[in-house]
C-alpha atoms as a PDB file:
ATOM      1  CA  MET A   1    -175.025 133.700-205.710  1.00  0.00           C
ATOM      2  CA  PRO A   2    -173.357 130.299-206.450  1.00  0.00           C
ATOM      3  CA  GLN A   3    -170.070 129.724-207.750  1.00  0.00           C
ATOM      4  CA  LEU A   4    -168.828 127.320-210.109  1.00  0.00           C
ATOM      5  CA  ALA A   5    -165.345 126.235-211.061  1.00  0.00           C
ATOM      6  CA  VAL A   6    -164.919 124.109-213.920  1.00  0.00           C
ATOM      7  CA  CYS A   7    -161.884 122.502-215.893  1.00  0.00           C
ATOM      8  CA  LYS A   8    -160.742 124.876-218.629  1.00  0.00           C
ATOM      9  CA  ASP A   9    -159.804 121.493-221.159  1.00  0.00           C
ATOM     10  CA  CYS A  10    -162.509 118.907-220.418  1.00  0.00           C
ATOM     11  CA  GLY A  11    -165.186 121.115-218.545  1.00  0.00           C
ATOM     12  CA  HIS A  12    -165.601 118.887-215.680  1.00  0.00           C
ATOM     13  CA  LEU A  13    -167.338 120.723-212.342  1.00  0.00           C
ATOM     14  CA  LEU A  14    -164.498 121.473-209.833  1.00  0.00           C
ATOM     15  CA  TYR A  15    -166.423 122.984-207.315  1.00  0.00           C
ATOM     16  CA  LYS A  16    -170.405 124.236-207.099  1.00  0.00           C
ATOM     17  CA  GLY A  17    -171.122 126.150-203.781  1.00  0.00           C
ATOM     18  CA  VAL A  18    -172.771 129.527-202.292  1.00  0.00           C
ATOM     19  CA  ASP A  19    -169.492 130.057-200.523  1.00  0.00           C
ATOM     20  CA  LEU A  20    -167.062 131.737-202.396  1.00  0.00           C
ATOM     21  CA  LYS A  21    -163.806 129.940-202.462  1.00  0.00           C
ATOM     22  CA  PRO A  22    -160.547 131.294-203.292  1.00  0.00           C
ATOM     23  CA  ALA A  23    -159.007 129.545-206.711  1.00  0.00           C
ATOM     24  CA  GLU A  24    -156.083 128.310-204.721  1.00  0.00           C
ATOM     25  CA  GLU A  25    -158.310 126.652-202.345  1.00  0.00           C
ATOM     26  CA  ILE A  26    -160.023 124.650-205.329  1.00  0.00           C
ATOM     27  CA  ILE A  27    -156.987 123.825-206.708  1.00  0.00           C
ATOM     28  CA  GLN A  28    -156.065 121.937-203.454  1.00  0.00           C
ATOM     29  CA  LEU A  29    -159.541 120.299-202.947  1.00  0.00           C
ATOM     30  CA  ASN A  30    -158.641 118.703-205.974  1.00  0.00           C
ATOM     31  CA  GLY A  31    -155.218 117.906-205.381  1.00  0.00           C
ATOM     32  CA  GLY A  32    -153.876 120.146-208.030  1.00  0.00           C
ATOM     33  CA  THR A  33    -155.303 118.263-211.235  1.00  0.00           C
ATOM     34  CA  CYS A  34    -158.389 117.933-212.466  1.00  0.00           C
ATOM     35  CA  PRO A  35    -159.846 114.056-211.602  1.00  0.00           C
ATOM     36  CA  LYS A  36    -161.533 113.751-214.817  1.00  0.00           C
ATOM     37  CA  CYS A  37    -158.699 114.424-217.397  1.00  0.00           C
ATOM     38  CA  GLY A  38    -155.673 115.102-215.335  1.00  0.00           C
ATOM     39  CA  ARG A  39    -154.867 118.555-216.600  1.00  0.00           C
ATOM     40  CA  LYS A  40    -152.616 120.695-213.986  1.00  0.00           C
ATOM     41  CA  LEU A  41    -154.839 122.881-212.455  1.00  0.00           C
ATOM     42  CA  GLU A  42    -153.257 126.658-212.166  1.00  0.00           C
ATOM     43  CA  PHE A  43    -154.885 129.918-211.952  1.00  0.00           C
ATOM     44  CA  PHE A  44    -154.241 132.945-213.883  1.00  0.00           C
ATOM     45  CA  ILE A  45    -156.558 135.920-213.223  1.00  0.00           C
ATOM     46  CA  ASP A  46    -156.727 136.819-217.007  1.00  0.00           C
ATOM     47  CA  ASN A  47    -158.290 133.496-217.669  1.00  0.00           C
ATOM     48  CA  VAL A  48    -161.146 134.114-215.157  1.00  0.00           C
ATOM     49  CA  GLU A  49    -164.712 134.642-216.698  1.00  0.00           C
ATOM     50  CA  ILE A  50    -167.732 135.741-214.726  1.00  0.00           C
ATOM     51  CA  PHE A  51    -171.215 135.094-215.956  1.00  0.00           C
ATOM     52  CA  PRO A  52    -174.656 136.086-214.143  1.00  0.00           C
ATOM     53  CA  VAL A  53    -176.568 132.856-212.876  1.00  0.00           C
ATOM     54  CA  GLU A  54    -179.268 133.253-215.726  1.00  0.00           C
ATOM     55  CA  ASP A  55    -176.284 132.970-218.146  1.00  0.00           C
ATOM     56  CA  LEU A  56    -175.509 129.727-216.808  1.00  0.00           C
ATOM     57  CA  GLU A  57    -178.760 128.022-216.793  1.00  0.00           C
ATOM     58  CA  LYS A  58    -179.110 128.581-220.790  1.00  0.00           C
ATOM     59  CA  SER A  59    -176.263 126.659-221.468  1.00  0.00           C
END
């Protein structure tokens, strides 16, 4: 199942892939900030939303 990680502020795609990556690794891959809007990337488990792939394809 694919994993998508997007910026909370601007919706920029930070990571997309079939290999599940920990949030800390995705943050590190992007240098700690969103490359589009410059927002500092942080991970809080309470802010995680999980959707089935079918729901993502509809949006």
